[in-house]
């Protein structure tokens, strides 16, 4: 049963200090209502929230540092989308990039010391910057072609990305050693895929053994995965197709922190999407997924999954009545099967537009 909006309206906005020491159960998100916007932090168990940073323009791409102490985000300022950083409770807000290019997709290194991001110059480029705001450097030479979709390995030793490697190439999946990212010198990545179709959005499994990605190599967008160390294997890199249902063109892939589940969004008549999870507890990728289940209603359009640190819950965007945040308990959903969508609980009211949820580590 969905919680009524009368109950949701009782959620109260407090000062950020009221949320201290509750890091495992907090969600950061961007909210816009009554002509103002804010980055907000919510305690999902106590149903209380605090505005961390109020803004007059658009904010997107919220990204927690792995230690949960800092929050990176992109904000619109005087015609540009710029990279910003603040502490977990809204202190020491600072702009890390200037108004020379639009920025997007901040991604943290595993040690919470480096942020990589994309910048739109006359071409798409990737940069790294220390969390202190120092050592802003391009990751690759200008001649490297379009590069994006950055994702750090769990151990912080490598960075996966998608790139057009030459004039005859489509987007392919590559990995690069972290050492060259940490140093202000250009990197030379290793190529994992080589296919006429586009391969995009690589994401590492939490144990670092696999990389899942999206590809349209069978004519429609689907989820694939390969062994992360495949470049060293005798038969090379052999991606395995995990889905055959048509993945949404705006889908992001999201592993649960324990590696059990891989979430994605499937298209609904080209006008919306529903959230699915796959059971990835397989002995080998050729046997995956063990099961696959739809979590959200086909009458809704849902996206932007973020996982709790214990892998028991997801929070996501729901658009069935406004643009709000909702939550589901995964264990309850799997037991209920097709009745899973009835367990959705809404976290934010319909009179506010809520975007970009990010569960604090």
Protein backbone atom coordinates (compact mmCIF):
# COMPACT_ATOMS: atom_id res chain seq x y z
CA UNK A 1 0.00 0.00 0.00
CA UNK A 2 1.36 3.41 -0.95
CA UNK A 3 1.67 5.88 1.93
CA UNK A 4 -0.76 8.75 1.57
CA UNK A 5 0.39 12.26 0.81
CA UNK A 6 -1.17 13.45 4.06
CA UNK A 7 1.41 11.40 5.93
CA UNK A 8 4.25 12.50 3.66
CA UNK A 9 3.34 16.13 4.36
CA UNK A 10 4.37 15.55 7.99
CA UNK A 11 8.04 15.24 7.00
CA UNK A 12 9.75 18.21 8.66
CA UNK A 13 12.79 20.19 7.51
CA UNK A 14 15.41 20.58 10.28
CA UNK A 15 18.89 22.06 10.53
CA UNK A 16 21.61 19.72 9.13
CA UNK A 17 23.03 19.14 12.63
CA UNK A 18 19.85 17.22 13.52
CA UNK A 19 20.94 14.50 11.08
CA UNK A 20 24.45 13.99 12.48
CA UNK A 21 25.65 10.44 13.23
CA UNK A 22 22.97 8.76 11.11
CA UNK A 23 25.12 8.24 8.01
CA UNK A 24 23.94 4.74 7.10
CA UNK A 25 20.35 5.79 6.55
CA UNK A 26 20.58 9.10 4.71
CA UNK A 27 19.68 10.13 1.16
CA UNK A 28 20.90 13.30 -0.56
CA UNK A 29 18.78 14.64 -3.40
CA UNK A 30 17.87 17.81 -5.27
CA UNK A 31 14.42 19.29 -4.66
CA UNK A 32 12.66 22.08 -6.50
CA UNK A 33 9.40 23.63 -5.36
CA UNK A 34 7.76 27.04 -4.99
CA UNK A 35 10.36 28.57 -7.30
CA UNK A 36 13.39 27.58 -5.21
CA UNK A 37 15.78 24.68 -5.19
CA UNK A 38 17.95 22.95 -2.60
CA UNK A 39 20.22 19.99 -2.08
CA UNK A 40 18.49 18.17 0.74
CA UNK A 41 19.56 15.40 3.12
CA UNK A 42 16.88 13.01 4.40
CA UNK A 43 16.94 10.51 7.25
CA UNK A 44 14.79 7.82 5.62
CA UNK A 45 13.92 6.10 8.92
CA UNK A 46 13.01 9.16 10.99
CA UNK A 47 11.36 10.98 8.04
CA UNK A 48 13.19 14.23 8.70
CA UNK A 49 15.16 16.34 6.22
CA UNK A 50 17.58 19.25 6.16
CA UNK A 51 18.49 21.66 3.37
CA UNK A 52 22.25 21.48 2.87
CA UNK A 53 22.59 24.10 0.14
CA UNK A 54 19.93 26.36 -1.37
CA UNK A 55 20.25 27.37 -5.01
CA UNK A 56 18.43 29.55 -7.52
CA UNK A 57 19.27 27.38 -10.54
CA UNK A 58 19.46 23.72 -11.51
CA UNK A 59 21.59 21.11 -9.73
CA UNK A 60 22.29 17.55 -10.87
CA UNK A 61 24.67 14.57 -10.58
CA UNK A 62 25.02 14.29 -6.80
CA UNK A 63 27.95 11.99 -5.89
CA UNK A 64 29.06 11.01 -2.37
CA UNK A 65 32.71 10.38 -1.64
CA UNK A 66 33.22 6.69 -0.68
CA UNK A 67 33.93 7.70 2.94
CA UNK A 68 30.59 9.56 3.09
CA UNK A 69 32.21 12.79 4.24
CA UNK A 70 31.86 14.95 1.10
CA UNK A 71 29.25 15.47 -1.61
CA UNK A 72 30.16 16.53 -5.14
CA UNK A 73 27.53 18.01 -7.44
CA UNK A 74 27.05 19.95 -10.66
CA UNK A 75 25.28 23.31 -10.44
CA UNK A 76 24.20 25.81 -13.09
CA UNK A 77 25.91 29.17 -12.74
CA UNK A 78 25.77 32.05 -15.23
CA UNK A 79 25.41 29.88 -18.31
CA UNK A 80 27.65 26.94 -17.28
CA UNK A 81 27.30 23.67 -15.38
CA UNK A 82 30.18 23.59 -12.89
CA UNK A 83 31.66 21.08 -10.43
CA UNK A 84 31.14 21.88 -6.75
CA UNK A 85 31.95 20.22 -3.44
CA UNK A 86 30.74 20.46 0.15
CA UNK A 87 30.97 18.53 3.39
CA UNK A 88 28.31 16.02 4.37
CA UNK A 89 26.24 18.53 6.34
CA UNK A 90 26.46 21.45 3.93
CA UNK A 91 29.59 23.19 5.18
CA UNK A 92 32.53 24.57 3.15
CA UNK A 93 30.68 24.75 -0.19
CA UNK A 94 33.19 25.54 -2.93
CA UNK A 95 33.31 25.66 -6.71
CA UNK A 96 36.09 23.50 -8.19
CA UNK A 97 35.88 24.48 -11.88
CA UNK A 98 35.52 27.79 -13.70
CA UNK A 99 33.27 29.03 -16.49
CA UNK A 100 35.22 27.65 -19.44
CA UNK A 101 33.26 24.44 -20.08
CA UNK A 102 30.14 22.57 -19.00
CA UNK A 103 30.89 19.74 -16.54
CA UNK A 104 29.04 16.51 -15.84
CA UNK A 105 29.27 13.08 -14.17
CA UNK A 106 31.59 13.50 -11.15
CA UNK A 107 33.05 10.16 -10.04
CA UNK A 108 35.17 9.61 -6.92
CA UNK A 109 38.29 7.50 -6.51
CA UNK A 110 38.07 4.79 -3.87
CA UNK A 111 40.24 6.72 -1.41
CA UNK A 112 37.98 9.82 -1.64
CA UNK A 113 40.91 11.98 -2.75
CA UNK A 114 40.28 12.44 -6.50
CA UNK A 115 37.23 13.39 -8.57
CA UNK A 116 37.10 12.59 -12.27
CA UNK A 117 34.51 14.29 -14.47
CA UNK A 118 33.58 15.14 -18.06
CA UNK A 119 33.83 18.57 -19.66
CA UNK A 120 32.29 19.78 -22.91
CA UNK A 121 34.87 21.77 -24.84
CA UNK A 122 34.84 21.73 -28.65
CA UNK A 123 35.08 17.97 -27.88
CA UNK A 124 34.15 15.81 -24.88
CA UNK A 125 37.11 15.61 -22.51
CA UNK A 126 37.75 13.97 -19.15
CA UNK A 127 39.53 15.60 -16.24
CA UNK A 128 40.76 14.78 -12.76
CA UNK A 129 41.01 17.11 -9.80
CA UNK A 130 42.03 16.60 -6.18
CA UNK A 131 39.24 16.97 -3.63
CA UNK A 132 41.27 19.89 -2.29
CA UNK A 133 40.66 21.71 -5.57
CA UNK A 134 44.26 21.29 -6.73
CA UNK A 135 45.89 19.52 -9.70
CA UNK A 136 43.18 19.94 -12.34
CA UNK A 137 44.48 17.94 -15.32
CA UNK A 138 43.10 16.24 -18.46
CA UNK A 139 43.20 12.44 -18.33
CA UNK A 140 43.90 11.95 -22.01
CA UNK A 141 45.38 13.95 -24.90
CA UNK A 142 43.04 16.04 -27.05
CA UNK A 143 43.51 13.57 -29.93
CA UNK A 144 42.05 10.67 -27.93
CA UNK A 145 38.51 11.20 -29.25
CA UNK A 146 35.22 11.31 -27.33
CA UNK A 147 35.60 9.83 -23.84
CA UNK A 148 33.11 9.50 -20.98
CA UNK A 149 31.16 7.18 -18.66
CA UNK A 150 33.93 7.03 -16.05
CA UNK A 151 33.68 4.42 -13.26
CA UNK A 152 36.34 3.51 -10.66
CA UNK A 153 37.09 -0.09 -9.71
CA UNK A 154 36.19 -1.00 -6.10
CA UNK A 155 39.84 -1.31 -5.09
CA UNK A 156 40.66 2.04 -6.67
CA UNK A 157 43.34 0.53 -8.91
CA UNK A 158 41.63 1.05 -12.27
CA UNK A 159 39.17 3.31 -14.05
CA UNK A 160 36.69 1.99 -16.63
CA UNK A 161 35.36 4.28 -19.37
CA UNK A 162 33.73 4.39 -22.79
CA UNK A 163 35.56 6.02 -25.68
CA UNK A 164 35.73 6.42 -29.45
CA UNK A 165 39.32 5.32 -29.91
CA UNK A 166 39.77 6.29 -33.59
CA UNK A 167 37.88 7.73 -36.55
CA UNK A 168 36.53 4.29 -37.53
CA UNK A 169 35.45 3.34 -34.02
CA UNK A 170 32.17 3.47 -32.14
CA UNK A 171 32.17 3.72 -28.35
CA UNK A 172 34.17 0.89 -26.77
CA UNK A 173 34.89 -0.11 -23.15
CA UNK A 174 38.40 0.61 -21.90
CA UNK A 175 40.24 0.47 -18.56
CA UNK A 176 43.19 2.50 -17.35
CA UNK A 177 45.48 2.10 -14.34
CA UNK A 178 44.77 4.44 -11.47
CA UNK A 179 48.40 5.44 -11.06
CA UNK A 180 48.39 7.50 -14.23
CA UNK A 181 45.09 9.09 -13.17
CA UNK A 182 46.62 10.10 -9.84
CA UNK A 183 49.61 11.68 -11.57
CA UNK A 184 49.29 14.77 -13.80
CA UNK A 185 50.31 12.85 -16.94
CA UNK A 186 48.19 11.53 -19.87
CA UNK A 187 46.92 7.95 -19.56
CA UNK A 188 47.07 5.05 -22.03
CA UNK A 189 44.02 2.78 -21.57
CA UNK A 190 43.55 -0.90 -22.48
CA UNK A 191 40.67 -1.79 -24.81
CA UNK A 192 38.19 -4.44 -23.60
CA UNK A 193 35.59 -4.38 -26.39
CA UNK A 194 35.83 -4.09 -30.16
CA UNK A 195 32.47 -4.07 -31.92
CA UNK A 196 30.69 -1.95 -34.59
CA UNK A 197 27.92 -1.17 -32.07
CA UNK A 198 28.21 1.30 -29.21
CA UNK A 199 29.29 -0.05 -25.80
CA UNK A 200 28.56 2.44 -23.00
CA UNK A 201 28.21 3.01 -19.25
CA UNK A 202 30.61 0.45 -17.73
CA UNK A 203 30.09 -0.36 -14.03
CA UNK A 204 32.31 -2.59 -11.88
CA UNK A 205 30.83 -5.32 -9.70
CA UNK A 206 31.55 -4.67 -6.00
CA UNK A 207 34.05 -7.56 -5.87
CA UNK A 208 35.90 -6.13 -8.87
CA UNK A 209 35.57 -9.34 -10.92
CA UNK A 210 33.13 -8.15 -13.60
CA UNK A 211 32.22 -5.06 -15.62
CA UNK A 212 28.62 -4.66 -16.78
CA UNK A 213 27.77 -2.26 -19.61
CA UNK A 214 25.08 -1.34 -22.13
CA UNK A 215 25.33 -2.16 -25.84
CA UNK A 216 23.08 -2.16 -28.90
CA UNK A 217 25.10 -4.88 -30.62
CA UNK A 218 22.03 -7.09 -31.16
CA UNK A 219 19.95 -4.24 -32.61
CA UNK A 220 18.46 -2.93 -29.38
CA UNK A 221 19.99 -1.73 -26.13
CA UNK A 222 20.73 -4.55 -23.68
CA UNK A 223 22.89 -5.29 -20.62
CA UNK A 224 26.16 -7.17 -21.12
CA UNK A 225 29.01 -8.12 -18.80
CA UNK A 226 32.59 -9.35 -19.10
CA UNK A 227 35.36 -10.48 -16.79
CA UNK A 228 37.35 -7.48 -15.61
CA UNK A 229 40.66 -9.31 -16.15
CA UNK A 230 39.67 -10.63 -19.59
CA UNK A 231 42.53 -8.82 -21.32
CA UNK A 232 44.89 -11.32 -19.67
CA UNK A 233 42.85 -14.40 -20.56
CA UNK A 234 43.77 -16.74 -23.41
CA UNK A 235 40.45 -16.29 -25.25
CA UNK A 236 40.40 -12.52 -24.65
CA UNK A 237 37.34 -10.49 -23.71
CA UNK A 238 34.03 -12.23 -24.46
CA UNK A 239 31.01 -10.18 -23.32
CA UNK A 240 27.95 -12.12 -22.18
CA UNK A 241 24.46 -10.80 -22.92
CA UNK A 242 22.40 -10.63 -19.69
CA UNK A 243 19.07 -9.23 -20.92
CA UNK A 244 16.80 -9.52 -23.93
CA UNK A 245 13.94 -7.17 -23.11
CA UNK A 246 15.04 -3.76 -24.39
CA UNK A 247 16.78 -1.50 -21.91
CA UNK A 248 15.80 2.15 -21.61
CA UNK A 249 18.02 4.58 -23.49
CA UNK A 250 18.34 6.62 -20.30
CA UNK A 251 19.07 3.63 -18.06
CA UNK A 252 21.93 3.54 -15.60
CA UNK A 253 23.28 0.27 -14.24
CA UNK A 254 23.53 -0.04 -10.47
CA UNK A 255 25.02 -2.97 -8.50
CA UNK A 256 23.87 -3.57 -4.96
CA UNK A 257 26.82 -3.06 -2.56
CA UNK A 258 26.93 -6.80 -1.75
CA UNK A 259 27.07 -7.68 -5.47
CA UNK A 260 23.92 -9.82 -5.31
CA UNK A 261 21.76 -7.66 -7.57
CA UNK A 262 22.25 -5.57 -10.70
CA UNK A 263 19.51 -2.99 -11.29
CA UNK A 264 18.58 -1.44 -14.64
CA UNK A 265 15.65 0.25 -16.36
CA UNK A 266 13.63 -1.30 -19.19
CA UNK A 267 11.60 0.69 -21.71
CA UNK A 268 7.80 0.91 -21.67
CA UNK A 269 6.43 1.75 -25.11
CA UNK A 270 9.22 4.30 -25.60
CA UNK A 271 7.56 6.71 -23.14
CA UNK A 272 8.82 5.53 -19.76
CA UNK A 273 10.77 2.89 -17.91
CA UNK A 274 10.43 0.31 -15.15
CA UNK A 275 13.11 -0.95 -12.78
CA UNK A 276 14.35 -4.53 -12.90
CA UNK A 277 16.94 -6.39 -10.83
CA UNK A 278 19.00 -9.41 -11.86
CA UNK A 279 20.40 -12.00 -9.46
CA UNK A 280 24.13 -12.06 -10.24
CA UNK A 281 25.17 -14.74 -7.72
CA UNK A 282 26.41 -17.06 -10.46
CA UNK A 283 29.51 -19.23 -10.67
CA UNK A 284 30.31 -17.68 -14.07
CA UNK A 285 28.88 -14.94 -16.28
CA UNK A 286 27.67 -17.52 -18.78
CA UNK A 287 25.21 -18.71 -16.11
CA UNK A 288 23.94 -15.22 -15.22
CA UNK A 289 21.47 -13.96 -14.38
CA UNK A 290 20.00 -16.60 -12.10
CA UNK A 291 16.69 -14.72 -11.96
CA UNK A 292 15.30 -11.40 -13.15
CA UNK A 293 12.38 -9.49 -11.64
CA UNK A 294 10.49 -6.30 -12.34
CA UNK A 295 10.20 -4.11 -9.22
CA UNK A 296 8.07 -1.14 -10.28
CA UNK A 297 4.67 -0.71 -11.90
CA UNK A 298 4.19 -0.51 -15.65
CA UNK A 299 1.74 2.32 -14.89
CA UNK A 300 4.62 4.40 -13.54
CA UNK A 301 7.88 5.65 -15.04
CA UNK A 302 10.79 5.03 -12.66
CA UNK A 303 14.55 5.64 -12.81
CA UNK A 304 17.75 6.61 -10.97
CA UNK A 305 18.19 3.67 -8.58
CA UNK A 306 20.41 4.15 -5.53
CA UNK A 307 21.10 1.34 -3.02
CA UNK A 308 21.25 1.34 0.77
CA UNK A 309 24.64 0.30 2.13
CA UNK A 310 23.19 -3.00 3.41
CA UNK A 311 21.71 -3.80 -0.06
CA UNK A 312 18.25 -4.24 1.45
CA UNK A 313 16.53 -1.20 -0.06
CA UNK A 314 16.50 0.98 -3.15
CA UNK A 315 15.40 4.57 -3.55
CA UNK A 316 14.45 5.87 -7.00
CA UNK A 317 12.47 8.51 -8.89
CA UNK A 318 8.76 7.81 -9.46
CA UNK A 319 6.65 9.87 -11.89
CA UNK A 320 3.18 8.35 -11.46
CA UNK A 321 1.96 11.42 -9.57
CA UNK A 322 4.50 14.22 -9.75
CA UNK A 323 8.26 13.58 -9.66
CA UNK A 324 8.98 12.12 -6.23
CA UNK A 325 11.35 9.75 -4.44
CA UNK A 326 10.12 6.28 -3.52
CA UNK A 327 11.64 3.28 -1.75
CA UNK A 328 11.31 -0.51 -1.93
CA UNK A 329 12.60 -3.34 0.27
CA UNK A 330 14.29 -5.82 -2.06
CA UNK A 331 13.78 -8.94 0.07
CA UNK A 332 10.05 -8.25 0.43
CA UNK A 333 9.80 -7.57 -3.31
CA UNK A 334 11.48 -10.80 -4.35
CA UNK A 335 9.14 -12.79 -2.10
CA UNK A 336 6.07 -11.03 -3.49
CA UNK A 337 6.97 -11.47 -7.15
CA UNK A 338 4.61 -9.57 -9.45
CA UNK A 339 2.98 -7.92 -6.42
CA UNK A 340 6.23 -6.13 -5.59
CA UNK A 341 5.10 -2.68 -6.84
CA UNK A 342 2.38 -2.61 -4.15
CA UNK A 343 5.14 -2.26 -1.53
CA UNK A 344 6.34 1.11 -2.84
CA UNK A 345 6.64 3.79 -0.16
CA UNK A 346 6.92 7.42 -1.17
CA UNK A 347 9.47 9.61 0.57
CA UNK A 348 8.72 13.07 -0.85
CA UNK A 349 5.49 14.96 -1.59
CA UNK A 350 4.03 15.51 -5.05
CA UNK A 351 4.07 19.31 -4.72
CA UNK A 352 7.90 19.24 -4.80
CA UNK A 353 9.97 17.91 -7.69
CA UNK A 354 12.72 15.57 -6.42
CA UNK A 355 15.72 14.44 -8.49
CA UNK A 356 19.10 12.69 -8.35
CA UNK A 357 18.85 10.59 -5.17
CA UNK A 358 22.18 9.41 -3.75
CA UNK A 359 22.31 7.10 -0.73
CA UNK A 360 25.12 8.11 1.63
CA UNK A 361 27.77 5.35 2.06
